[in-house]
PDB file of N, CA and C in Angstrom:
ATOM      1  N   GLN A   1       1.035  -1.520  -0.174  1.00  0.00           N
ATOM      2  CA  GLN A   1       0.102   0.284  -0.029  1.00  0.00           C
ATOM      3  C   GLN A   1       0.689   1.355  -0.016  1.00  0.00           C
ATOM      4  N   VAL A   2       0.650   2.359  -1.039  1.00  0.00           N
ATOM      5  CA  VAL A   2       1.420   3.280  -1.068  1.00  0.00           C
ATOM      6  C   VAL A   2       0.657   4.665   0.110  1.00  0.00           C
ATOM      7  N   GLN A   3       1.612   5.556   0.577  1.00  0.00           N
ATOM      8  CA  GLN A   3       1.279   6.134   1.815  1.00  0.00           C
ATOM      9  C   GLN A   3       2.736   7.380   1.541  1.00  0.00           C
ATOM     10  N   LEU A   4       2.310   8.604   1.169  1.00  0.00           N
ATOM     11  CA  LEU A   4       2.828   9.835   0.756  1.00  0.00           C
ATOM     12  C   LEU A   4       2.558  10.579   2.524  1.00  0.00           C
ATOM     13  N   VAL A   5       4.107  10.683   2.868  1.00  0.00           N
ATOM     14  CA  VAL A   5       4.047  11.516   3.922  1.00  0.00           C
ATOM     15  C   VAL A   5       4.930  12.853   4.086  1.00  0.00           C
ATOM     16  N   GLU A   6       4.226  14.026   3.743  1.00  0.00           N
ATOM     17  CA  GLU A   6       5.080  15.106   3.731  1.00  0.00           C
ATOM     18  C   GLU A   6       5.403  15.639   5.002  1.00  0.00           C
ATOM     19  N   SER A   7       7.052  16.493   4.782  1.00  0.00           N
ATOM     20  CA  SER A   7       7.482  16.885   5.763  1.00  0.00           C
ATOM     21  C   SER A   7       8.554  18.330   5.363  1.00  0.00           C
ATOM     22  N   GLY A   8       8.841  19.127   6.317  1.00  0.00           N
ATOM     23  CA  GLY A   8       9.558  20.230   5.848  1.00  0.00           C
ATOM     24  C   GLY A   8       8.934  21.335   5.922  1.00  0.00           C
ATOM     25  N   GLY A   9       7.938  21.662   5.732  1.00  0.00           N
ATOM     26  CA  GLY A   9       7.198  23.088   5.192  1.00  0.00           C
ATOM     27  C   GLY A   9       7.170  23.796   6.775  1.00  0.00           C
ATOM     28  N   GLY A  10       6.884  25.364   6.974  1.00  0.00           N
ATOM     29  CA  GLY A  10       7.323  26.413   7.750  1.00  0.00           C
ATOM     30  C   GLY A  10       7.665  27.479   7.240  1.00  0.00           C
ATOM     31  N   LEU A  11       8.080  28.573   8.223  1.00  0.00           N
ATOM     32  CA  LEU A  11       8.051  29.926   7.691  1.00  0.00           C
ATOM     33  C   LEU A  11       9.338  30.259   7.542  1.00  0.00           C
ATOM     34  N   VAL A  12       9.367  30.555   6.829  1.00  0.00           N
ATOM     35  CA  VAL A  12      10.731  31.337   6.105  1.00  0.00           C
ATOM     36  C   VAL A  12      10.738  32.607   5.814  1.00  0.00           C
ATOM     37  N   GLN A  13      11.613  33.425   5.489  1.00  0.00           N
ATOM     38  CA  GLN A  13      11.733  35.208   4.766  1.00  0.00           C
ATOM     39  C   GLN A  13      12.201  34.616   3.732  1.00  0.00           C
ATOM     40  N   SER A  14      11.558  35.783   2.808  1.00  0.00           N
ATOM     41  CA  SER A  14      11.610  35.750   1.307  1.00  0.00           C
ATOM     42  C   SER A  14      13.269  35.689   1.302  1.00  0.00           C
ATOM     43  N   GLY A  15      13.334  34.749  -0.077  1.00  0.00           N
ATOM     44  CA  GLY A  15      15.063  34.738  -0.154  1.00  0.00           C
ATOM     45  C   GLY A  15      15.413  33.526   0.090  1.00  0.00           C
ATOM     46  N   GLY A  16      14.895  33.360   0.995  1.00  0.00           N
ATOM     47  CA  GLY A  16      15.409  31.651   1.956  1.00  0.00           C
ATOM     48  C   GLY A  16      15.010  30.678   1.596  1.00  0.00           C
ATOM     49  N   SER A  17      15.497  29.378   1.883  1.00  0.00           N
ATOM     50  CA  SER A  17      15.345  28.386   1.808  1.00  0.00           C
ATOM     51  C   SER A  17      14.797  27.179   2.512  1.00  0.00           C
ATOM     52  N   LEU A  18      13.902  26.197   1.754  1.00  0.00           N
ATOM     53  CA  LEU A  18      13.414  25.168   2.150  1.00  0.00           C
ATOM     54  C   LEU A  18      13.693  24.189   2.222  1.00  0.00           C
ATOM     55  N   ARG A  19      13.673  22.706   2.431  1.00  0.00           N
ATOM     56  CA  ARG A  19      13.532  21.430   1.612  1.00  0.00           C
ATOM     57  C   ARG A  19      12.474  20.667   1.821  1.00  0.00           C
ATOM     58  N   LEU A  20      11.726  20.484   1.034  1.00  0.00           N
ATOM     59  CA  LEU A  20      10.674  19.282   1.282  1.00  0.00           C
ATOM     60  C   LEU A  20      10.964  18.165   1.652  1.00  0.00           C
ATOM     61  N   SER A  21      10.589  17.323   2.114  1.00  0.00           N
ATOM     62  CA  SER A  21      10.697  15.623   1.705  1.00  0.00           C
ATOM     63  C   SER A  21       9.359  14.629   1.762  1.00  0.00           C
ATOM     64  N   CYS A  22       9.284  13.892   0.934  1.00  0.00           N
ATOM     65  CA  CYS A  22       8.311  13.168   1.169  1.00  0.00           C
ATOM     66  C   CYS A  22       8.857  11.500   1.235  1.00  0.00           C
ATOM     67  N   ALA A  23       8.150  11.073   2.631  1.00  0.00           N
ATOM     68  CA  ALA A  23       8.487   9.531   2.647  1.00  0.00           C
ATOM     69  C   ALA A  23       7.267   9.016   1.678  1.00  0.00           C
ATOM     70  N   THR A  24       8.204   7.963   0.812  1.00  0.00           N
ATOM     71  CA  THR A  24       7.152   7.313  -0.118  1.00  0.00           C
ATOM     72  C   THR A  24       6.861   6.088  -0.224  1.00  0.00           C
ATOM     73  N   SER A  25       6.366   5.914   1.177  1.00  0.00           N
ATOM     74  CA  SER A  25       6.301   3.880   1.201  1.00  0.00           C
ATOM     75  C   SER A  25       5.533   3.533   0.655  1.00  0.00           C
ATOM     76  N   GLY A  26       5.952   2.172   0.129  1.00  0.00           N
ATOM     77  CA  GLY A  26       5.069   1.123  -0.612  1.00  0.00           C
ATOM     78  C   GLY A  26       5.485   1.523  -2.188  1.00  0.00           C
ATOM     79  N   VAL A  27       5.934   2.245  -2.416  1.00  0.00           N
ATOM     80  CA  VAL A  27       6.785   2.585  -3.944  1.00  0.00           C
ATOM     81  C   VAL A  27       7.754   1.826  -4.139  1.00  0.00           C
ATOM     82  N   ILE A  28       7.108   0.890  -5.020  1.00  0.00           N
ATOM     83  CA  ILE A  28       8.172  -0.204  -5.696  1.00  0.00           C
ATOM     84  C   ILE A  28       8.611   0.395  -7.264  1.00  0.00           C
ATOM     85  N   SER A  29       7.700   0.725  -8.023  1.00  0.00           N
ATOM     86  CA  SER A  29       7.659   1.279  -9.195  1.00  0.00           C
ATOM     87  C   SER A  29       6.684   2.971  -9.442  1.00  0.00           C
ATOM     88  N   PHE A  30       6.613   3.767 -10.428  1.00  0.00           N
ATOM     89  CA  PHE A  30       6.162   4.833 -10.479  1.00  0.00           C
ATOM     90  C   PHE A  30       6.216   5.420 -12.448  1.00  0.00           C
ATOM     91  N   TYR A  31       4.781   5.818 -12.085  1.00  0.00           N
ATOM     92  CA  TYR A  31       5.228   6.313 -13.627  1.00  0.00           C
ATOM     93  C   TYR A  31       5.762   7.582 -13.728  1.00  0.00           C
ATOM     94  N   ARG A  32       4.846   8.678 -12.419  1.00  0.00           N
ATOM     95  CA  ARG A  32       5.383  10.033 -12.587  1.00  0.00           C
ATOM     96  C   ARG A  32       5.476  10.302 -10.725  1.00  0.00           C
ATOM     97  N   LEU A  33       6.261  10.626 -10.188  1.00  0.00           N
ATOM     98  CA  LEU A  33       6.297  11.525  -8.906  1.00  0.00           C
ATOM     99  C   LEU A  33       6.161  12.560  -8.906  1.00  0.00           C
ATOM    100  N   GLY A  34       5.462  13.726  -7.784  1.00  0.00           N
ATOM    101  CA  GLY A  34       5.664  15.127  -8.075  1.00  0.00           C
ATOM    102  C   GLY A  34       5.105  15.993  -6.531  1.00  0.00           C
ATOM    103  N   TRP A  35       5.363  17.389  -7.208  1.00  0.00           N
ATOM    104  CA  TRP A  35       5.012  18.498  -6.187  1.00  0.00           C
ATOM    105  C   TRP A  35       4.137  19.125  -6.555  1.00  0.00           C
ATOM    106  N   TYR A  36       2.811  19.614  -6.056  1.00  0.00           N
ATOM    107  CA  TYR A  36       2.271  20.480  -6.037  1.00  0.00           C
ATOM    108  C   TYR A  36       2.034  21.383  -5.349  1.00  0.00           C
ATOM    109  N   ARG A  37       0.781  22.593  -5.739  1.00  0.00           N
ATOM    110  CA  ARG A  37       0.914  23.663  -4.438  1.00  0.00           C
ATOM    111  C   ARG A  37      -0.240  23.779  -4.947  1.00  0.00           C
ATOM    112  N   GLN A  38      -1.223  24.400  -3.020  1.00  0.00           N
ATOM    113  CA  GLN A  38      -2.347  25.158  -3.375  1.00  0.00           C
ATOM    114  C   GLN A  38      -2.412  26.271  -2.273  1.00  0.00           C
ATOM    115  N   ALA A  39      -2.492  27.716  -3.023  1.00  0.00           N
ATOM    116  CA  ALA A  39      -2.665  28.609  -2.495  1.00  0.00           C
ATOM    117  C   ALA A  39      -3.947  28.745  -1.866  1.00  0.00           C
ATOM    118  N   PRO A  40      -4.542  29.898  -1.000  1.00  0.00           N
ATOM    119  CA  PRO A  40      -5.773  30.322  -0.520  1.00  0.00           C
ATOM    120  C   PRO A  40      -6.509  30.839  -1.675  1.00  0.00           C
ATOM    121  N   GLY A  41      -7.307  30.830  -2.487  1.00  0.00           N
ATOM    122  CA  GLY A  41      -8.294  31.134  -3.520  1.00  0.00           C
ATOM    123  C   GLY A  41      -8.185  30.498  -4.560  1.00  0.00           C
ATOM    124  N   HIS A  42      -6.874  29.975  -4.864  1.00  0.00           N
ATOM    125  CA  HIS A  42      -5.970  29.599  -5.790  1.00  0.00           C
ATOM    126  C   HIS A  42      -6.253  28.354  -6.295  1.00  0.00           C
ATOM    127  N   GLN A  43      -6.488  27.140  -7.856  1.00  0.00           N
ATOM    128  CA  GLN A  43      -6.438  26.116  -7.702  1.00  0.00           C
ATOM    129  C   GLN A  43      -5.056  25.568  -7.631  1.00  0.00           C
ATOM    130  N   ARG A  44      -4.967  24.221  -7.067  1.00  0.00           N
ATOM    131  CA  ARG A  44      -4.096  23.326  -7.272  1.00  0.00           C
ATOM    132  C   ARG A  44      -3.037  23.141  -8.312  1.00  0.00           C
ATOM    133  N   GLU A  45      -1.500  23.956  -8.124  1.00  0.00           N
ATOM    134  CA  GLU A  45      -0.720  23.639  -9.374  1.00  0.00           C
ATOM    135  C   GLU A  45       0.477  22.631  -9.528  1.00  0.00           C
ATOM    136  N   GLU A  46       0.813  22.582 -10.918  1.00  0.00           N
ATOM    137  CA  GLU A  46       2.083  21.408 -10.146  1.00  0.00           C
ATOM    138  C   GLU A  46       2.716  22.238 -10.135  1.00  0.00           C
ATOM    139  N   VAL A  47       3.833  21.961  -9.405  1.00  0.00           N
ATOM    140  CA  VAL A  47       5.327  22.605  -9.583  1.00  0.00           C
ATOM    141  C   VAL A  47       6.795  22.222  -9.899  1.00  0.00           C
ATOM    142  N   ALA A  48       6.552  20.580  -9.609  1.00  0.00           N
ATOM    143  CA  ALA A  48       7.983  19.885 -10.338  1.00  0.00           C
ATOM    144  C   ALA A  48       7.158  18.669 -10.115  1.00  0.00           C
ATOM    145  N   THR A  49       8.057  17.659 -11.237  1.00  0.00           N
ATOM    146  CA  THR A  49       7.524  15.951 -11.289  1.00  0.00           C
ATOM    147  C   THR A  49       8.744  15.672 -11.917  1.00  0.00           C
ATOM    148  N   ILE A  50       9.196  14.194 -12.259  1.00  0.00           N
ATOM    149  CA  ILE A  50       9.672  13.607 -12.237  1.00  0.00           C
ATOM    150  C   ILE A  50       9.322  12.056 -12.571  1.00  0.00           C
ATOM    151  N   MET A  51       9.965  11.620 -13.631  1.00  0.00           N
ATOM    152  CA  MET A  51       9.344  10.503 -14.359  1.00  0.00           C
ATOM    153  C   MET A  51       9.861   9.224 -14.082  1.00  0.00           C
ATOM    154  N   SER A  52       9.426   8.384 -14.219  1.00  0.00           N
ATOM    155  CA  SER A  52      10.205   6.853 -14.027  1.00  0.00           C
ATOM    156  C   SER A  52      12.050   7.107 -15.006  1.00  0.00           C
ATOM    157  N   ASP A  53      11.799   7.669 -16.154  1.00  0.00           N
ATOM    158  CA  ASP A  53      13.149   7.499 -16.515  1.00  0.00           C
ATOM    159  C   ASP A  53      13.951   8.959 -16.147  1.00  0.00           C
ATOM    160  N   SER A  54      13.690   9.115 -15.024  1.00  0.00           N
ATOM    161  CA  SER A  54      13.969  10.825 -13.926  1.00  0.00           C
ATOM    162  C   SER A  54      14.190  11.653 -14.312  1.00  0.00           C
ATOM    163  N   SER A  55      13.521  11.732 -15.834  1.00  0.00           N
ATOM    164  CA  SER A  55      13.383  13.265 -16.565  1.00  0.00           C
ATOM    165  C   SER A  55      12.758  14.263 -15.603  1.00  0.00           C
ATOM    166  N   THR A  56      12.611  15.485 -15.538  1.00  0.00           N
ATOM    167  CA  THR A  56      12.074  16.260 -14.867  1.00  0.00           C
ATOM    168  C   THR A  56      11.055  17.231 -15.729  1.00  0.00           C
ATOM    169  N   ASP A  57      10.516  17.779 -15.021  1.00  0.00           N
ATOM    170  CA  ASP A  57       9.651  19.195 -15.626  1.00  0.00           C
ATOM    171  C   ASP A  57       9.281  20.294 -14.410  1.00  0.00           C
ATOM    172  N   TYR A  58       9.249  21.835 -14.957  1.00  0.00           N
ATOM    173  CA  TYR A  58       9.258  21.997 -13.306  1.00  0.00           C
ATOM    174  C   TYR A  58       7.792  23.304 -14.119  1.00  0.00           C
ATOM    175  N   ALA A  59       7.510  24.148 -13.036  1.00  0.00           N
ATOM    176  CA  ALA A  59       6.455  25.118 -13.647  1.00  0.00           C
ATOM    177  C   ALA A  59       7.590  26.185 -13.634  1.00  0.00           C
ATOM    178  N   ASP A  60       7.103  27.378 -15.173  1.00  0.00           N
ATOM    179  CA  ASP A  60       8.119  28.474 -15.245  1.00  0.00           C
ATOM    180  C   ASP A  60       8.353  29.266 -14.080  1.00  0.00           C
ATOM    181  N   SER A  61       7.184  29.566 -13.228  1.00  0.00           N
ATOM    182  CA  SER A  61       7.343  30.329 -11.618  1.00  0.00           C
ATOM    183  C   SER A  61       8.628  30.007 -10.987  1.00  0.00           C
ATOM    184  N   VAL A  62       8.664  28.141 -11.053  1.00  0.00           N
ATOM    185  CA  VAL A  62       9.941  28.135  -9.979  1.00  0.00           C
ATOM    186  C   VAL A  62      11.412  27.819 -10.817  1.00  0.00           C
ATOM    187  N   LYS A  63      11.392  27.779 -12.036  1.00  0.00           N
ATOM    188  CA  LYS A  63      12.357  26.988 -12.833  1.00  0.00           C
ATOM    189  C   LYS A  63      13.689  27.792 -12.180  1.00  0.00           C
ATOM    190  N   GLY A  64      15.108  27.239 -12.113  1.00  0.00           N
ATOM    191  CA  GLY A  64      16.183  28.093 -11.276  1.00  0.00           C
ATOM    192  C   GLY A  64      16.479  28.116 -10.391  1.00  0.00           C
ATOM    193  N   ARG A  65      15.046  28.103  -9.515  1.00  0.00           N
ATOM    194  CA  ARG A  65      15.134  27.674  -8.209  1.00  0.00           C
ATOM    195  C   ARG A  65      14.699  26.900  -7.050  1.00  0.00           C
ATOM    196  N   PHE A  66      13.828  26.228  -7.996  1.00  0.00           N
ATOM    197  CA  PHE A  66      13.326  24.703  -7.151  1.00  0.00           C
ATOM    198  C   PHE A  66      13.770  23.699  -8.197  1.00  0.00           C
ATOM    199  N   THR A  67      14.398  22.456  -7.074  1.00  0.00           N
ATOM    200  CA  THR A  67      14.685  21.486  -7.548  1.00  0.00           C
ATOM    201  C   THR A  67      14.400  20.101  -7.074  1.00  0.00           C
ATOM    202  N   ILE A  68      13.977  19.058  -7.863  1.00  0.00           N
ATOM    203  CA  ILE A  68      12.771  17.753  -7.123  1.00  0.00           C
ATOM    204  C   ILE A  68      14.221  16.504  -7.827  1.00  0.00           C
ATOM    205  N   ALA A  69      14.102  16.040  -6.599  1.00  0.00           N
ATOM    206  CA  ALA A  69      15.003  14.607  -6.817  1.00  0.00           C
ATOM    207  C   ALA A  69      14.631  13.539  -5.980  1.00  0.00           C
ATOM    208  N   ARG A  70      14.871  12.405  -6.581  1.00  0.00           N
ATOM    209  CA  ARG A  70      14.200  10.810  -6.062  1.00  0.00           C
ATOM    210  C   ARG A  70      15.561  10.012  -5.682  1.00  0.00           C
ATOM    211  N   ASP A  71      14.961   9.578  -4.208  1.00  0.00           N
ATOM    212  CA  ASP A  71      15.865   8.757  -3.339  1.00  0.00           C
ATOM    213  C   ASP A  71      15.633   7.437  -3.521  1.00  0.00           C
ATOM    214  N   ASN A  72      16.006   6.327  -4.173  1.00  0.00           N
ATOM    215  CA  ASN A  72      15.104   5.428  -4.151  1.00  0.00           C
ATOM    216  C   ASN A  72      15.560   4.645  -3.153  1.00  0.00           C
ATOM    217  N   ALA A  73      16.598   4.660  -2.958  1.00  0.00           N
ATOM    218  CA  ALA A  73      16.987   3.766  -1.578  1.00  0.00           C
ATOM    219  C   ALA A  73      16.627   4.225  -0.391  1.00  0.00           C
ATOM    220  N   LYS A  74      16.327   5.999  -0.416  1.00  0.00           N
ATOM    221  CA  LYS A  74      15.395   5.789   1.344  1.00  0.00           C
ATOM    222  C   LYS A  74      13.862   6.197   0.551  1.00  0.00           C
ATOM    223  N   ASN A  75      13.584   5.583   0.039  1.00  0.00           N
ATOM    224  CA  ASN A  75      12.109   5.662  -0.972  1.00  0.00           C
ATOM    225  C   ASN A  75      11.683   7.039  -0.649  1.00  0.00           C
ATOM    226  N   ALA A  76      12.354   8.395  -0.883  1.00  0.00           N
ATOM    227  CA  ALA A  76      11.788   9.374  -0.727  1.00  0.00           C
ATOM    228  C   ALA A  76      11.781  10.405  -1.681  1.00  0.00           C
ATOM    229  N   LEU A  77      11.010  11.311  -1.902  1.00  0.00           N
ATOM    230  CA  LEU A  77      11.095  12.700  -2.722  1.00  0.00           C
ATOM    231  C   LEU A  77      11.328  13.704  -2.047  1.00  0.00           C
ATOM    232  N   TYR A  78      11.726  14.815  -2.605  1.00  0.00           N
ATOM    233  CA  TYR A  78      12.625  16.089  -2.253  1.00  0.00           C
ATOM    234  C   TYR A  78      12.138  17.003  -3.086  1.00  0.00           C
ATOM    235  N   LEU A  79      12.085  18.289  -2.535  1.00  0.00           N
ATOM    236  CA  LEU A  79      12.127  19.283  -2.943  1.00  0.00           C
ATOM    237  C   LEU A  79      12.760  20.354  -2.313  1.00  0.00           C
ATOM    238  N   GLN A  80      14.024  20.790  -3.071  1.00  0.00           N
ATOM    239  CA  GLN A  80      14.950  22.209  -2.510  1.00  0.00           C
ATOM    240  C   GLN A  80      14.186  23.083  -3.037  1.00  0.00           C
ATOM    241  N   MET A  81      14.061  24.017  -2.240  1.00  0.00           N
ATOM    242  CA  MET A  81      13.421  25.544  -2.711  1.00  0.00           C
ATOM    243  C   MET A  81      14.393  26.506  -2.230  1.00  0.00           C
ATOM    244  N   ASN A  82      14.827  27.181  -3.108  1.00  0.00           N
ATOM    245  CA  ASN A  82      15.668  28.394  -2.834  1.00  0.00           C
ATOM    246  C   ASN A  82      15.127  29.437  -3.571  1.00  0.00           C
ATOM    247  N   SER A  83      15.756  30.896  -3.128  1.00  0.00           N
ATOM    248  CA  SER A  83      15.215  32.074  -3.080  1.00  0.00           C
ATOM    249  C   SER A  83      13.721  32.392  -3.331  1.00  0.00           C
ATOM    250  N   LEU A  84      13.163  31.941  -1.937  1.00  0.00           N
ATOM    251  CA  LEU A  84      11.788  31.886  -1.898  1.00  0.00           C
ATOM    252  C   LEU A  84      11.135  33.059  -2.266  1.00  0.00           C
ATOM    253  N   LYS A  85       9.876  32.993  -2.609  1.00  0.00           N
ATOM    254  CA  LYS A  85       9.103  34.524  -2.515  1.00  0.00           C
ATOM    255  C   LYS A  85       7.778  34.238  -1.927  1.00  0.00           C
ATOM    256  N   PRO A  86       7.010  35.759  -1.742  1.00  0.00           N
ATOM    257  CA  PRO A  86       5.659  35.541  -1.120  1.00  0.00           C
ATOM    258  C   PRO A  86       5.077  34.533  -2.057  1.00  0.00           C
ATOM    259  N   GLU A  87       4.796  34.869  -2.938  1.00  0.00           N
ATOM    260  CA  GLU A  87       4.130  34.098  -3.744  1.00  0.00           C
ATOM    261  C   GLU A  87       4.772  32.643  -4.060  1.00  0.00           C
ATOM    262  N   ASP A  88       5.093  32.299  -3.264  1.00  0.00           N
ATOM    263  CA  ASP A  88       5.423  30.458  -3.352  1.00  0.00           C
ATOM    264  C   ASP A  88       4.467  29.944  -1.897  1.00  0.00           C
ATOM    265  N   THR A  89       4.451  31.005  -1.515  1.00  0.00           N
ATOM    266  CA  THR A  89       2.873  30.527  -0.133  1.00  0.00           C
ATOM    267  C   THR A  89       2.311  30.183  -0.308  1.00  0.00           C
ATOM    268  N   ALA A  90       1.939  28.361   0.202  1.00  0.00           N
ATOM    269  CA  ALA A  90       0.858  27.590  -0.480  1.00  0.00           C
ATOM    270  C   ALA A  90       0.888  25.971   0.686  1.00  0.00           C
ATOM    271  N   VAL A  91      -0.302  25.502   0.199  1.00  0.00           N
ATOM    272  CA  VAL A  91       0.507  23.848   0.989  1.00  0.00           C
ATOM    273  C   VAL A  91       0.876  23.363   0.098  1.00  0.00           C
ATOM    274  N   TYR A  92       1.888  22.545  -0.007  1.00  0.00           N
ATOM    275  CA  TYR A  92       2.565  21.918  -0.883  1.00  0.00           C
ATOM    276  C   TYR A  92       2.146  20.179  -0.589  1.00  0.00           C
ATOM    277  N   TYR A  93       1.986  19.543  -1.739  1.00  0.00           N
ATOM    278  CA  TYR A  93       0.997  18.190  -1.715  1.00  0.00           C
ATOM    279  C   TYR A  93       2.396  17.083  -2.300  1.00  0.00           C
ATOM    280  N   CYS A  94       2.702  16.081  -1.946  1.00  0.00           N
ATOM    281  CA  CYS A  94       3.491  15.053  -3.128  1.00  0.00           C
ATOM    282  C   CYS A  94       2.399  14.315  -3.663  1.00  0.00           C
ATOM    283  N   TYR A  95       2.992  13.674  -4.762  1.00  0.00           N
ATOM    284  CA  TYR A  95       2.090  13.186  -5.645  1.00  0.00           C
ATOM    285  C   TYR A  95       2.529  12.437  -6.213  1.00  0.00           C
ATOM    286  N   TYR A  96       1.706  10.952  -6.549  1.00  0.00           N
ATOM    287  CA  TYR A  96       2.161   9.885  -7.092  1.00  0.00           C
ATOM    288  C   TYR A  96       1.206   9.362  -7.816  1.00  0.00           C
ATOM    289  N   GLU A  97       1.729   8.591  -9.382  1.00  0.00           N
ATOM    290  CA  GLU A  97       1.012   8.356 -10.332  1.00  0.00           C
ATOM    291  C   GLU A  97       2.012   6.590 -11.003  1.00  0.00           C
ATOM    292  N   SER A  98       1.084   5.670 -11.086  1.00  0.00           N
ATOM    293  CA  SER A  98       1.241   4.674 -11.472  1.00  0.00           C
ATOM    294  C   SER A  98      -0.012   4.084 -12.857  1.00  0.00           C
ATOM    295  N   SER A  99       0.869   3.283 -13.262  1.00  0.00           N
ATOM    296  CA  SER A  99      -0.019   2.780 -14.351  1.00  0.00           C
ATOM    297  C   SER A  99       0.099   1.202 -14.176  1.00  0.00           C
ATOM    298  N   ILE A 100       0.485   0.970 -13.008  1.00  0.00           N
ATOM    299  CA  ILE A 100       0.585  -0.744 -12.841  1.00  0.00           C
ATOM    300  C   ILE A 100       0.313  -1.226 -11.667  1.00  0.00           C
ATOM    301  N   PRO A 101      -0.415  -2.082 -11.199  1.00  0.00           N
ATOM    302  CA  PRO A 101      -1.705  -3.143 -12.358  1.00  0.00           C
ATOM    303  C   PRO A 101      -2.728  -2.002 -13.003  1.00  0.00           C
ATOM    304  N   SER A 102      -3.058  -0.983 -12.407  1.00  0.00           N
ATOM    305  CA  SER A 102      -3.883  -0.247 -13.262  1.00  0.00           C
ATOM    306  C   SER A 102      -3.572   1.500 -12.643  1.00  0.00           C
ATOM    307  N   TRP A 103      -3.993   2.256 -13.180  1.00  0.00           N
ATOM    308  CA  TRP A 103      -3.909   3.643 -13.414  1.00  0.00           C
ATOM    309  C   TRP A 103      -4.379   3.894 -12.166  1.00  0.00           C
ATOM    310  N   ARG A 104      -3.506   5.010 -11.370  1.00  0.00           N
ATOM    311  CA  ARG A 104      -3.893   5.474 -10.090  1.00  0.00           C
ATOM    312  C   ARG A 104      -2.886   6.182  -9.686  1.00  0.00           C
ATOM    313  N   GLU A 105      -3.551   7.285  -8.688  1.00  0.00           N
ATOM    314  CA  GLU A 105      -3.262   8.122  -8.079  1.00  0.00           C
ATOM    315  C   GLU A 105      -3.240   8.735  -7.162  1.00  0.00           C
ATOM    316  N   ILE A 106      -2.158   9.055  -5.895  1.00  0.00           N
ATOM    317  CA  ILE A 106      -2.312   9.231  -4.676  1.00  0.00           C
ATOM    318  C   ILE A 106      -1.348  10.226  -4.200  1.00  0.00           C
ATOM    319  N   TRP A 107      -2.562  11.108  -2.864  1.00  0.00           N
ATOM    320  CA  TRP A 107      -1.407  12.259  -2.781  1.00  0.00           C
ATOM    321  C   TRP A 107      -1.599  12.236  -1.229  1.00  0.00           C
ATOM    322  N   GLY A 108      -0.387  13.228  -0.738  1.00  0.00           N
ATOM    323  CA  GLY A 108      -0.096  13.081   0.414  1.00  0.00           C
ATOM    324  C   GLY A 108      -1.053  14.081   1.109  1.00  0.00           C
ATOM    325  N   GLN A 109      -0.848  14.076   2.704  1.00  0.00           N
ATOM    326  CA  GLN A 109      -1.712  15.512   3.333  1.00  0.00           C
ATOM    327  C   GLN A 109      -1.291  17.041   2.814  1.00  0.00           C
ATOM    328  N   GLY A 110      -0.528  17.562   2.626  1.00  0.00           N
ATOM    329  CA  GLY A 110       0.139  18.093   2.261  1.00  0.00           C
ATOM    330  C   GLY A 110       0.772  18.887   3.415  1.00  0.00           C
ATOM    331  N   THR A 111       1.682  19.769   3.349  1.00  0.00           N
ATOM    332  CA  THR A 111       2.437  20.443   4.371  1.00  0.00           C
ATOM    333  C   THR A 111       2.790  21.991   3.733  1.00  0.00           C
ATOM    334  N   GLN A 112       2.447  22.805   5.065  1.00  0.00           N
ATOM    335  CA  GLN A 112       2.267  24.605   4.721  1.00  0.00           C
ATOM    336  C   GLN A 112       3.309  25.129   4.765  1.00  0.00           C
ATOM    337  N   VAL A 113       3.664  25.662   3.718  1.00  0.00           N
ATOM    338  CA  VAL A 113       4.954  26.665   3.540  1.00  0.00           C
ATOM    339  C   VAL A 113       4.631  27.802   3.327  1.00  0.00           C
ATOM    340  N   THR A 114       5.209  28.556   4.209  1.00  0.00           N
ATOM    341  CA  THR A 114       4.777  30.563   4.413  1.00  0.00           C
ATOM    342  C   THR A 114       5.891  31.347   3.673  1.00  0.00           C
ATOM    343  N   VAL A 115       5.999  32.484   3.065  1.00  0.00           N
ATOM    344  CA  VAL A 115       7.173  32.959   3.163  1.00  0.00           C
ATOM    345  C   VAL A 115       6.825  34.656   3.220  1.00  0.00           C
ATOM    346  N   GLN A 116       7.276  34.801   4.227  1.00  0.00           N
ATOM    347  CA  GLN A 116       7.396  36.541   4.606  1.00  0.00           C
ATOM    348  C   GLN A 116       7.714  37.512   3.893  1.00  0.00           C
ATOM    349  N   SER A 117       7.456  38.419   3.467  1.00  0.00           N
ATOM    350  CA  SER A 117       8.428  39.657   2.768  1.00  0.00           C
ATOM    351  C   SER A 117       9.019  40.587   3.673  1.00  0.00           C
TER     352      SER A 117
END
């Protein structure tokens, strides 16, 4: 059974850094892992994703500032966030998508990131 548990959120000053972690227990293989975020009054949006072939993709708003990484040995997913801006304030969610044995997606419970100006 796949479970996703995020950690590492918190309060940081503008320009600061945070690293989010997602414990991806039960993940043996995946089609895509990723980080999404949702700010108050906004729809959930994709931040960064990593595919099974290790290719990555980022939202334009975070390119050059955020880095997604997968550690298979630790069964964990990370999001290194640098040069944080107030507009990065949101709840960040870890995401898992698989096509084996059938198509499914699983979300973590989310972790709050607040960036003060």
